[in-house]
Amino acid sequence: MALSQRREEARIQIGFQEVSVQGLEEYKRLFRLVFQDIKSRQIKKASNELLEGSWRLVNSVTALGLHEDVDDETKRNERLEFWRDFNLCWEALGQRQKEITQMALKTGIWPGDMLSTDIITSLGDQLVAMCDILQTHGLVDYEMGIWEEQITHIFIECIDLLARNRPKSREF
């Protein structure tokens, strides 16, 4: 292999790593923003941001190198933390929706920022579609990747709560 070709391959690899690091940092910022929105009970905003960012992530898994096994322990731990934060965003969204729903059922006051059953169903369906794409990379229900079963479970709980206790005057 010619020296110039090896240099070019090394430059491309370094550039890819830089892009991956920048891309991962953007997602980490998104996770922090979504957590803040969830904390402040801006559920609709959080769900929109998380859904949009999740689709971008799913479509960028290969470019970010998130589908490859990593021998380096530090990188592996960083990836595990990345996927954990991603999944905790989804779980926090579902948990907050469940809490808001339970409070609404208890008080009879239905907040305007509460997700409807249609939106919750759509979130679950889209998460499953993302998992179908990532399954080919082995990134579903393992240490790395989307915790499909755990996340969809909480959305199902929310839908069940709303279905059993649907108010007569509003469609949730």
N, C-alpha and C. Protein backbone atom coordinates (compact mmCIF):
# COMPACT_ATOMS: atom_id res chain seq x y z
N MET A 1 0.86 -1.17 0.00
CA MET A 1 0.00 0.00 0.00
C MET A 1 0.90 1.23 0.00
N ALA A 2 0.60 2.15 -0.83
CA ALA A 2 1.39 3.37 -0.95
C ALA A 2 1.23 4.23 0.30
N LEU A 3 2.30 4.96 0.63
CA LEU A 3 2.30 5.82 1.80
C LEU A 3 1.19 6.87 1.73
N SER A 4 0.99 7.44 0.55
CA SER A 4 -0.06 8.47 0.41
C SER A 4 -1.45 7.88 0.65
N GLN A 5 -1.68 6.65 0.25
CA GLN A 5 -2.98 6.02 0.45
C GLN A 5 -3.20 5.75 1.95
N ARG A 6 -2.15 5.31 2.65
CA ARG A 6 -2.27 5.07 4.09
C ARG A 6 -2.55 6.37 4.84
N ARG A 7 -1.89 7.45 4.42
CA ARG A 7 -2.14 8.74 5.06
C ARG A 7 -3.58 9.19 4.85
N GLU A 8 -4.08 9.00 3.62
CA GLU A 8 -5.46 9.38 3.31
C GLU A 8 -6.44 8.57 4.16
N GLU A 9 -6.20 7.26 4.29
CA GLU A 9 -7.07 6.41 5.10
C GLU A 9 -7.02 6.84 6.57
N ALA A 10 -5.83 7.19 7.06
CA ALA A 10 -5.69 7.65 8.44
C ALA A 10 -6.43 8.97 8.63
N ARG A 11 -6.33 9.90 7.65
CA ARG A 11 -7.01 11.18 7.74
C ARG A 11 -8.52 10.97 7.76
N ILE A 12 -9.01 10.09 6.91
CA ILE A 12 -10.45 9.80 6.87
C ILE A 12 -10.90 9.22 8.21
N GLN A 13 -10.12 8.31 8.77
CA GLN A 13 -10.48 7.70 10.05
C GLN A 13 -10.50 8.75 11.16
N ILE A 14 -9.51 9.62 11.20
CA ILE A 14 -9.47 10.68 12.22
C ILE A 14 -10.67 11.61 12.03
N GLY A 15 -10.98 12.00 10.80
CA GLY A 15 -12.13 12.85 10.53
C GLY A 15 -13.42 12.20 10.97
N PHE A 16 -13.55 10.90 10.74
CA PHE A 16 -14.74 10.17 11.15
C PHE A 16 -14.87 10.20 12.67
N GLN A 17 -13.76 10.00 13.38
CA GLN A 17 -13.80 10.03 14.83
C GLN A 17 -14.22 11.40 15.33
N GLU A 18 -13.72 12.46 14.69
CA GLU A 18 -14.10 13.82 15.09
C GLU A 18 -15.59 14.04 14.87
N VAL A 19 -16.09 13.60 13.72
CA VAL A 19 -17.52 13.73 13.44
C VAL A 19 -18.33 12.94 14.46
N SER A 20 -17.86 11.73 14.79
CA SER A 20 -18.57 10.91 15.76
C SER A 20 -18.64 11.59 17.12
N VAL A 21 -17.52 12.14 17.57
CA VAL A 21 -17.48 12.81 18.88
C VAL A 21 -18.41 14.01 18.87
N GLN A 22 -18.36 14.83 17.81
CA GLN A 22 -19.24 16.00 17.73
C GLN A 22 -20.70 15.57 17.69
N GLY A 23 -21.00 14.55 16.91
CA GLY A 23 -22.37 14.07 16.81
C GLY A 23 -22.88 13.55 18.13
N LEU A 24 -22.07 12.79 18.83
CA LEU A 24 -22.49 12.26 20.12
C LEU A 24 -22.71 13.39 21.13
N GLU A 25 -21.88 14.40 21.08
CA GLU A 25 -22.06 15.55 21.99
C GLU A 25 -23.38 16.26 21.71
N GLU A 26 -23.76 16.37 20.44
CA GLU A 26 -25.05 16.99 20.10
C GLU A 26 -26.20 16.20 20.70
N TYR A 27 -26.12 14.88 20.63
CA TYR A 27 -27.18 14.05 21.21
C TYR A 27 -27.20 14.16 22.72
N LYS A 28 -26.03 14.24 23.34
CA LYS A 28 -25.97 14.39 24.79
C LYS A 28 -26.62 15.71 25.22
N ARG A 29 -26.41 16.76 24.43
CA ARG A 29 -27.07 18.05 24.72
C ARG A 29 -28.58 17.90 24.58
N LEU A 30 -29.01 17.17 23.55
CA LEU A 30 -30.43 16.93 23.36
C LEU A 30 -31.01 16.18 24.55
N PHE A 31 -30.31 15.16 25.03
CA PHE A 31 -30.79 14.41 26.19
C PHE A 31 -30.98 15.33 27.39
N ARG A 32 -30.01 16.21 27.64
CA ARG A 32 -30.12 17.14 28.77
C ARG A 32 -31.33 18.07 28.60
N LEU A 33 -31.54 18.55 27.39
CA LEU A 33 -32.68 19.43 27.10
C LEU A 33 -34.00 18.69 27.32
N VAL A 34 -34.08 17.46 26.85
CA VAL A 34 -35.31 16.67 27.02
C VAL A 34 -35.56 16.41 28.50
N PHE A 35 -34.52 16.05 29.26
CA PHE A 35 -34.69 15.84 30.70
C PHE A 35 -35.21 17.11 31.37
N GLN A 36 -34.68 18.25 30.97
CA GLN A 36 -35.13 19.52 31.56
C GLN A 36 -36.60 19.78 31.23
N ASP A 37 -36.99 19.53 29.99
CA ASP A 37 -38.39 19.70 29.59
C ASP A 37 -39.30 18.77 30.38
N ILE A 38 -38.86 17.53 30.57
CA ILE A 38 -39.66 16.57 31.34
C ILE A 38 -39.79 17.04 32.78
N LYS A 39 -38.68 17.48 33.34
CA LYS A 39 -38.69 17.96 34.73
C LYS A 39 -39.65 19.13 34.90
N SER A 40 -39.69 20.02 33.90
CA SER A 40 -40.58 21.17 33.98
C SER A 40 -41.98 20.88 33.44
N ARG A 41 -42.27 19.61 33.21
CA ARG A 41 -43.60 19.13 32.79
C ARG A 41 -44.03 19.63 31.42
N GLN A 42 -43.08 19.91 30.57
CA GLN A 42 -43.37 20.28 29.18
C GLN A 42 -43.31 19.00 28.34
N ILE A 43 -44.27 18.15 28.55
CA ILE A 43 -44.26 16.80 28.00
C ILE A 43 -44.38 16.80 26.47
N LYS A 44 -45.26 17.61 25.93
CA LYS A 44 -45.42 17.64 24.47
C LYS A 44 -44.13 18.09 23.80
N LYS A 45 -43.51 19.13 24.32
CA LYS A 45 -42.26 19.63 23.77
C LYS A 45 -41.18 18.55 23.89
N ALA A 46 -41.07 17.93 25.05
CA ALA A 46 -40.07 16.88 25.27
C ALA A 46 -40.28 15.71 24.32
N SER A 47 -41.53 15.32 24.13
CA SER A 47 -41.80 14.16 23.26
C SER A 47 -41.44 14.48 21.81
N ASN A 48 -41.74 15.70 21.37
CA ASN A 48 -41.39 16.09 19.99
C ASN A 48 -39.88 16.13 19.78
N GLU A 49 -39.17 16.73 20.74
CA GLU A 49 -37.70 16.81 20.63
C GLU A 49 -37.08 15.42 20.67
N LEU A 50 -37.55 14.59 21.59
CA LEU A 50 -36.99 13.26 21.73
C LEU A 50 -37.27 12.40 20.50
N LEU A 51 -38.47 12.49 19.99
CA LEU A 51 -38.82 11.70 18.81
C LEU A 51 -37.98 12.12 17.60
N GLU A 52 -37.90 13.41 17.36
CA GLU A 52 -37.11 13.91 16.23
C GLU A 52 -35.64 13.52 16.38
N GLY A 53 -35.10 13.73 17.56
CA GLY A 53 -33.69 13.39 17.81
C GLY A 53 -33.44 11.89 17.71
N SER A 54 -34.39 11.10 18.15
CA SER A 54 -34.24 9.64 18.09
C SER A 54 -34.19 9.15 16.66
N TRP A 55 -35.05 9.72 15.80
CA TRP A 55 -35.01 9.32 14.39
C TRP A 55 -33.69 9.72 13.75
N ARG A 56 -33.20 10.92 14.08
CA ARG A 56 -31.89 11.33 13.56
C ARG A 56 -30.81 10.36 14.02
N LEU A 57 -30.88 9.97 15.28
CA LEU A 57 -29.89 9.05 15.83
C LEU A 57 -29.95 7.70 15.12
N VAL A 58 -31.14 7.16 14.99
CA VAL A 58 -31.30 5.85 14.32
C VAL A 58 -30.73 5.90 12.91
N ASN A 59 -30.98 7.00 12.23
CA ASN A 59 -30.48 7.13 10.86
C ASN A 59 -28.99 7.46 10.79
N SER A 60 -28.37 7.73 11.94
CA SER A 60 -26.95 8.08 11.98
C SER A 60 -26.10 7.05 12.72
N VAL A 61 -26.70 5.95 13.14
CA VAL A 61 -25.99 4.95 13.95
C VAL A 61 -24.70 4.49 13.26
N THR A 62 -24.78 4.21 11.98
CA THR A 62 -23.60 3.74 11.26
C THR A 62 -22.56 4.84 11.14
N ALA A 63 -22.98 6.03 10.77
CA ALA A 63 -22.04 7.15 10.63
C ALA A 63 -21.36 7.48 11.95
N LEU A 64 -22.07 7.31 13.05
CA LEU A 64 -21.50 7.59 14.37
C LEU A 64 -20.70 6.40 14.91
N GLY A 65 -20.77 5.28 14.23
CA GLY A 65 -20.03 4.09 14.67
C GLY A 65 -20.65 3.41 15.87
N LEU A 66 -21.92 3.69 16.15
CA LEU A 66 -22.57 3.13 17.33
C LEU A 66 -22.99 1.66 17.15
N HIS A 67 -22.81 1.15 15.96
CA HIS A 67 -23.20 -0.23 15.67
C HIS A 67 -22.03 -1.20 15.79
N GLU A 68 -20.83 -0.69 16.02
CA GLU A 68 -19.63 -1.53 16.03
C GLU A 68 -19.26 -1.91 17.46
N ASP A 69 -18.71 -3.13 17.59
CA ASP A 69 -18.16 -3.53 18.87
C ASP A 69 -16.91 -2.71 19.13
N VAL A 70 -16.67 -2.39 20.39
CA VAL A 70 -15.52 -1.59 20.75
C VAL A 70 -14.69 -2.37 21.76
N ASP A 71 -13.42 -2.54 21.44
CA ASP A 71 -12.52 -3.25 22.36
C ASP A 71 -12.01 -2.34 23.45
N ASP A 72 -11.86 -1.06 23.14
CA ASP A 72 -11.36 -0.08 24.10
C ASP A 72 -12.38 0.09 25.22
N GLU A 73 -11.97 -0.18 26.47
CA GLU A 73 -12.89 -0.15 27.60
C GLU A 73 -13.49 1.24 27.84
N THR A 74 -12.69 2.27 27.65
CA THR A 74 -13.19 3.63 27.85
C THR A 74 -14.28 3.96 26.84
N LYS A 75 -14.03 3.63 25.57
CA LYS A 75 -15.05 3.89 24.54
C LYS A 75 -16.30 3.05 24.80
N ARG A 76 -16.12 1.83 25.22
CA ARG A 76 -17.26 0.96 25.49
C ARG A 76 -18.11 1.57 26.62
N ASN A 77 -17.46 2.03 27.66
CA ASN A 77 -18.19 2.64 28.78
C ASN A 77 -18.91 3.91 28.34
N GLU A 78 -18.27 4.70 27.48
CA GLU A 78 -18.91 5.91 26.96
C GLU A 78 -20.16 5.55 26.16
N ARG A 79 -20.06 4.51 25.36
CA ARG A 79 -21.24 4.09 24.57
C ARG A 79 -22.35 3.56 25.46
N LEU A 80 -21.98 2.78 26.46
CA LEU A 80 -22.98 2.28 27.40
C LEU A 80 -23.70 3.44 28.09
N GLU A 81 -22.94 4.44 28.50
CA GLU A 81 -23.53 5.63 29.14
C GLU A 81 -24.42 6.39 28.16
N PHE A 82 -23.97 6.50 26.90
CA PHE A 82 -24.75 7.18 25.87
C PHE A 82 -26.11 6.50 25.70
N TRP A 83 -26.11 5.18 25.50
CA TRP A 83 -27.36 4.45 25.30
C TRP A 83 -28.23 4.49 26.56
N ARG A 84 -27.59 4.42 27.74
CA ARG A 84 -28.35 4.49 28.98
C ARG A 84 -29.08 5.83 29.07
N ASP A 85 -28.39 6.93 28.77
CA ASP A 85 -29.00 8.25 28.81
C ASP A 85 -30.14 8.36 27.79
N PHE A 86 -29.94 7.83 26.60
CA PHE A 86 -30.98 7.82 25.58
C PHE A 86 -32.23 7.12 26.11
N ASN A 87 -32.03 5.93 26.65
CA ASN A 87 -33.16 5.14 27.14
C ASN A 87 -33.83 5.77 28.35
N LEU A 88 -33.03 6.38 29.21
CA LEU A 88 -33.61 7.03 30.38
C LEU A 88 -34.46 8.23 29.99
N CYS A 89 -34.11 8.89 28.89
CA CYS A 89 -34.97 9.98 28.38
C CYS A 89 -36.34 9.43 28.04
N TRP A 90 -36.35 8.33 27.29
CA TRP A 90 -37.63 7.74 26.90
C TRP A 90 -38.41 7.26 28.13
N GLU A 91 -37.72 6.60 29.06
CA GLU A 91 -38.41 6.12 30.25
C GLU A 91 -38.93 7.28 31.10
N ALA A 92 -38.13 8.33 31.23
CA ALA A 92 -38.56 9.50 32.01
C ALA A 92 -39.79 10.15 31.39
N LEU A 93 -39.82 10.22 30.07
CA LEU A 93 -40.98 10.76 29.38
C LEU A 93 -42.23 9.94 29.71
N GLY A 94 -42.11 8.64 29.59
CA GLY A 94 -43.24 7.76 29.91
C GLY A 94 -43.65 7.84 31.36
N GLN A 95 -42.67 7.88 32.25
CA GLN A 95 -42.97 7.95 33.67
C GLN A 95 -43.66 9.26 34.04
N ARG A 96 -43.17 10.36 33.48
CA ARG A 96 -43.78 11.66 33.77
C ARG A 96 -45.22 11.69 33.23
N GLN A 97 -45.43 11.14 32.04
CA GLN A 97 -46.78 11.08 31.49
C GLN A 97 -47.68 10.25 32.40
N LYS A 98 -47.16 9.16 32.91
CA LYS A 98 -47.93 8.32 33.82
C LYS A 98 -48.30 9.09 35.09
N GLU A 99 -47.33 9.83 35.64
CA GLU A 99 -47.59 10.63 36.85
C GLU A 99 -48.64 11.71 36.59
N ILE A 100 -48.52 12.37 35.45
CA ILE A 100 -49.48 13.43 35.09
C ILE A 100 -50.87 12.82 34.92
N THR A 101 -50.94 11.67 34.29
CA THR A 101 -52.22 11.00 34.09
C THR A 101 -52.84 10.60 35.42
N GLN A 102 -52.03 10.02 36.30
CA GLN A 102 -52.55 9.62 37.61
C GLN A 102 -53.05 10.82 38.40
N MET A 103 -52.32 11.93 38.34
CA MET A 103 -52.73 13.14 39.05
C MET A 103 -54.03 13.69 38.45
N ALA A 104 -54.13 13.67 37.13
CA ALA A 104 -55.35 14.14 36.47
C ALA A 104 -56.55 13.29 36.86
N LEU A 105 -56.34 11.99 36.95
CA LEU A 105 -57.43 11.10 37.34
C LEU A 105 -57.84 11.33 38.79
N LYS A 106 -56.86 11.63 39.61
CA LYS A 106 -57.13 11.87 41.04
C LYS A 106 -57.85 13.20 41.27
N THR A 107 -57.41 14.24 40.55
CA THR A 107 -57.96 15.58 40.78
C THR A 107 -59.11 15.94 39.85
N GLY A 108 -59.18 15.25 38.72
CA GLY A 108 -60.19 15.60 37.72
C GLY A 108 -59.78 16.80 36.87
N ILE A 109 -58.56 17.28 37.04
CA ILE A 109 -58.04 18.41 36.26
C ILE A 109 -57.10 17.85 35.20
N TRP A 110 -57.46 18.10 33.93
CA TRP A 110 -56.71 17.54 32.81
C TRP A 110 -55.81 18.63 32.21
N PRO A 111 -54.50 18.54 32.48
CA PRO A 111 -53.58 19.58 31.99
C PRO A 111 -53.50 19.59 30.47
N GLY A 112 -53.28 20.78 29.93
CA GLY A 112 -53.20 20.92 28.47
C GLY A 112 -51.96 20.28 27.87
N ASP A 113 -50.92 20.06 28.67
CA ASP A 113 -49.68 19.50 28.13
C ASP A 113 -49.62 17.98 28.28
N MET A 114 -50.75 17.38 28.55
CA MET A 114 -50.82 15.93 28.69
C MET A 114 -50.90 15.29 27.30
N LEU A 115 -50.20 14.20 27.10
CA LEU A 115 -50.23 13.51 25.80
C LEU A 115 -51.51 12.71 25.67
N SER A 116 -52.06 12.71 24.48
CA SER A 116 -53.28 11.94 24.21
C SER A 116 -52.91 10.48 23.98
N THR A 117 -53.92 9.62 24.02
CA THR A 117 -53.66 8.20 23.73
C THR A 117 -53.11 8.03 22.32
N ASP A 118 -53.58 8.85 21.38
CA ASP A 118 -53.08 8.76 20.00
C ASP A 118 -51.59 9.10 19.93
N ILE A 119 -51.18 10.14 20.66
CA ILE A 119 -49.76 10.52 20.64
C ILE A 119 -48.92 9.45 21.33
N ILE A 120 -49.40 8.94 22.46
CA ILE A 120 -48.65 7.90 23.17
C ILE A 120 -48.53 6.66 22.30
N THR A 121 -49.62 6.29 21.64
CA THR A 121 -49.59 5.14 20.74
C THR A 121 -48.60 5.37 19.61
N SER A 122 -48.62 6.56 19.05
CA SER A 122 -47.70 6.90 17.96
C SER A 122 -46.24 6.84 18.44
N LEU A 123 -45.97 7.35 19.63
CA LEU A 123 -44.61 7.28 20.18
C LEU A 123 -44.16 5.83 20.30
N GLY A 124 -45.04 4.99 20.84
CA GLY A 124 -44.70 3.57 20.97
C GLY A 124 -44.48 2.91 19.62
N ASP A 125 -45.37 3.20 18.66
CA ASP A 125 -45.23 2.62 17.32
C ASP A 125 -43.93 3.06 16.65
N GLN A 126 -43.61 4.35 16.80
CA GLN A 126 -42.38 4.84 16.18
C GLN A 126 -41.14 4.28 16.86
N LEU A 127 -41.21 4.09 18.17
CA LEU A 127 -40.08 3.47 18.87
C LEU A 127 -39.87 2.05 18.37
N VAL A 128 -40.94 1.31 18.20
CA VAL A 128 -40.85 -0.06 17.67
C VAL A 128 -40.26 -0.04 16.25
N ALA A 129 -40.67 0.92 15.44
CA ALA A 129 -40.12 1.04 14.07
C ALA A 129 -38.62 1.32 14.12
N MET A 130 -38.20 2.17 15.06
CA MET A 130 -36.76 2.43 15.22
C MET A 130 -36.03 1.16 15.61
N CYS A 131 -36.63 0.40 16.50
CA CYS A 131 -36.02 -0.86 16.94
C CYS A 131 -35.91 -1.85 15.80
N ASP A 132 -36.91 -1.87 14.93
CA ASP A 132 -36.85 -2.75 13.76
C ASP A 132 -35.63 -2.43 12.90
N ILE A 133 -35.33 -1.15 12.77
CA ILE A 133 -34.16 -0.73 11.99
C ILE A 133 -32.87 -1.11 12.72
N LEU A 134 -32.82 -0.88 14.01
CA LEU A 134 -31.59 -1.13 14.78
C LEU A 134 -31.36 -2.61 15.08
N GLN A 135 -32.39 -3.42 14.95
CA GLN A 135 -32.27 -4.86 15.21
C GLN A 135 -31.17 -5.48 14.35
N THR A 136 -31.02 -4.99 13.13
CA THR A 136 -30.00 -5.55 12.24
C THR A 136 -28.59 -5.33 12.78
N HIS A 137 -28.43 -4.34 13.67
CA HIS A 137 -27.13 -4.05 14.29
C HIS A 137 -27.03 -4.65 15.69
N GLY A 138 -28.07 -5.37 16.13
CA GLY A 138 -28.07 -5.94 17.47
C GLY A 138 -28.20 -4.88 18.56
N LEU A 139 -28.92 -3.81 18.27
CA LEU A 139 -29.02 -2.69 19.20
C LEU A 139 -30.42 -2.56 19.81
N VAL A 140 -31.03 -3.69 20.15
CA VAL A 140 -32.35 -3.67 20.77
C VAL A 140 -32.36 -4.62 21.97
N ASP A 141 -32.77 -4.08 23.11
CA ASP A 141 -32.92 -4.84 24.36
C ASP A 141 -31.64 -5.51 24.83
N TYR A 142 -30.52 -4.89 24.56
CA TYR A 142 -29.23 -5.32 25.09
C TYR A 142 -28.61 -4.16 25.83
N GLU A 143 -27.37 -4.35 26.31
CA GLU A 143 -26.70 -3.25 27.02
C GLU A 143 -26.63 -2.00 26.15
N MET A 144 -26.24 -2.19 24.90
CA MET A 144 -26.18 -1.06 23.97
C MET A 144 -27.39 -1.13 23.05
N GLY A 145 -28.01 0.02 22.86
CA GLY A 145 -29.18 0.08 22.00
C GLY A 145 -30.42 0.46 22.78
N ILE A 146 -31.55 0.34 22.13
CA ILE A 146 -32.83 0.78 22.70
C ILE A 146 -33.42 -0.32 23.58
N TRP A 147 -33.88 0.09 24.77
CA TRP A 147 -34.55 -0.83 25.69
C TRP A 147 -36.03 -0.89 25.32
N GLU A 148 -36.31 -1.51 24.21
CA GLU A 148 -37.67 -1.51 23.65
C GLU A 148 -38.72 -2.02 24.63
N GLU A 149 -38.47 -3.15 25.22
CA GLU A 149 -39.47 -3.76 26.09
C GLU A 149 -39.79 -2.88 27.29
N GLN A 150 -38.78 -2.33 27.94
CA GLN A 150 -38.99 -1.48 29.11
C GLN A 150 -39.74 -0.21 28.76
N ILE A 151 -39.36 0.41 27.66
CA ILE A 151 -39.96 1.69 27.30
C ILE A 151 -41.40 1.51 26.84
N THR A 152 -41.64 0.53 25.99
CA THR A 152 -43.01 0.33 25.51
C THR A 152 -43.93 -0.08 26.66
N HIS A 153 -43.39 -0.76 27.65
CA HIS A 153 -44.21 -1.17 28.80
C HIS A 153 -44.81 0.04 29.50
N ILE A 154 -44.00 1.06 29.72
CA ILE A 154 -44.53 2.24 30.43
C ILE A 154 -45.54 2.99 29.58
N PHE A 155 -45.35 3.00 28.25
CA PHE A 155 -46.34 3.65 27.39
C PHE A 155 -47.65 2.86 27.40
N ILE A 156 -47.58 1.56 27.44
CA ILE A 156 -48.78 0.72 27.53
C ILE A 156 -49.52 0.99 28.84
N GLU A 157 -48.76 1.16 29.93
CA GLU A 157 -49.38 1.49 31.22
C GLU A 157 -50.15 2.81 31.12
N CYS A 158 -49.54 3.80 30.45
CA CYS A 158 -50.20 5.11 30.30
C CYS A 158 -51.49 4.97 29.49
N ILE A 159 -51.42 4.25 28.40
CA ILE A 159 -52.60 4.05 27.55
C ILE A 159 -53.70 3.32 28.33
N ASP A 160 -53.31 2.31 29.09
CA ASP A 160 -54.29 1.56 29.89
C ASP A 160 -54.96 2.46 30.93
N LEU A 161 -54.16 3.30 31.59
CA LEU A 161 -54.73 4.24 32.57
C LEU A 161 -55.76 5.14 31.91
N LEU A 162 -55.42 5.68 30.77
CA LEU A 162 -56.33 6.60 30.08
C LEU A 162 -57.57 5.87 29.57
N ALA A 163 -57.39 4.67 29.06
CA ALA A 163 -58.53 3.92 28.51
C ALA A 163 -59.52 3.52 29.59
N ARG A 164 -59.03 3.15 30.75
CA ARG A 164 -59.92 2.73 31.85
C ARG A 164 -60.63 3.91 32.50
N ASN A 165 -60.02 5.07 32.39
CA ASN A 165 -60.53 6.22 33.13
C ASN A 165 -60.80 7.42 32.24
N ARG A 166 -61.12 7.18 31.00
CA ARG A 166 -61.29 8.27 30.02
C ARG A 166 -62.41 9.21 30.47
N PRO A 167 -62.09 10.50 30.54
CA PRO A 167 -63.14 11.47 30.88
C PRO A 167 -64.14 11.58 29.73
N LYS A 168 -65.35 11.88 30.06
CA LYS A 168 -66.40 11.95 29.04
C LYS A 168 -66.23 13.15 28.12
N SER A 169 -65.71 14.26 28.63
CA SER A 169 -65.69 15.49 27.84
C SER A 169 -64.43 15.70 27.01
N ARG A 170 -63.37 14.95 27.25
CA ARG A 170 -62.12 15.17 26.52
C ARG A 170 -61.61 13.86 25.96
N GLU A 171 -60.96 13.95 24.81
CA GLU A 171 -60.38 12.76 24.15
C GLU A 171 -58.93 12.63 24.55
N PHE A 172 -58.62 11.70 25.41
CA PHE A 172 -57.25 11.42 25.80
C PHE A 172 -57.01 9.99 25.49
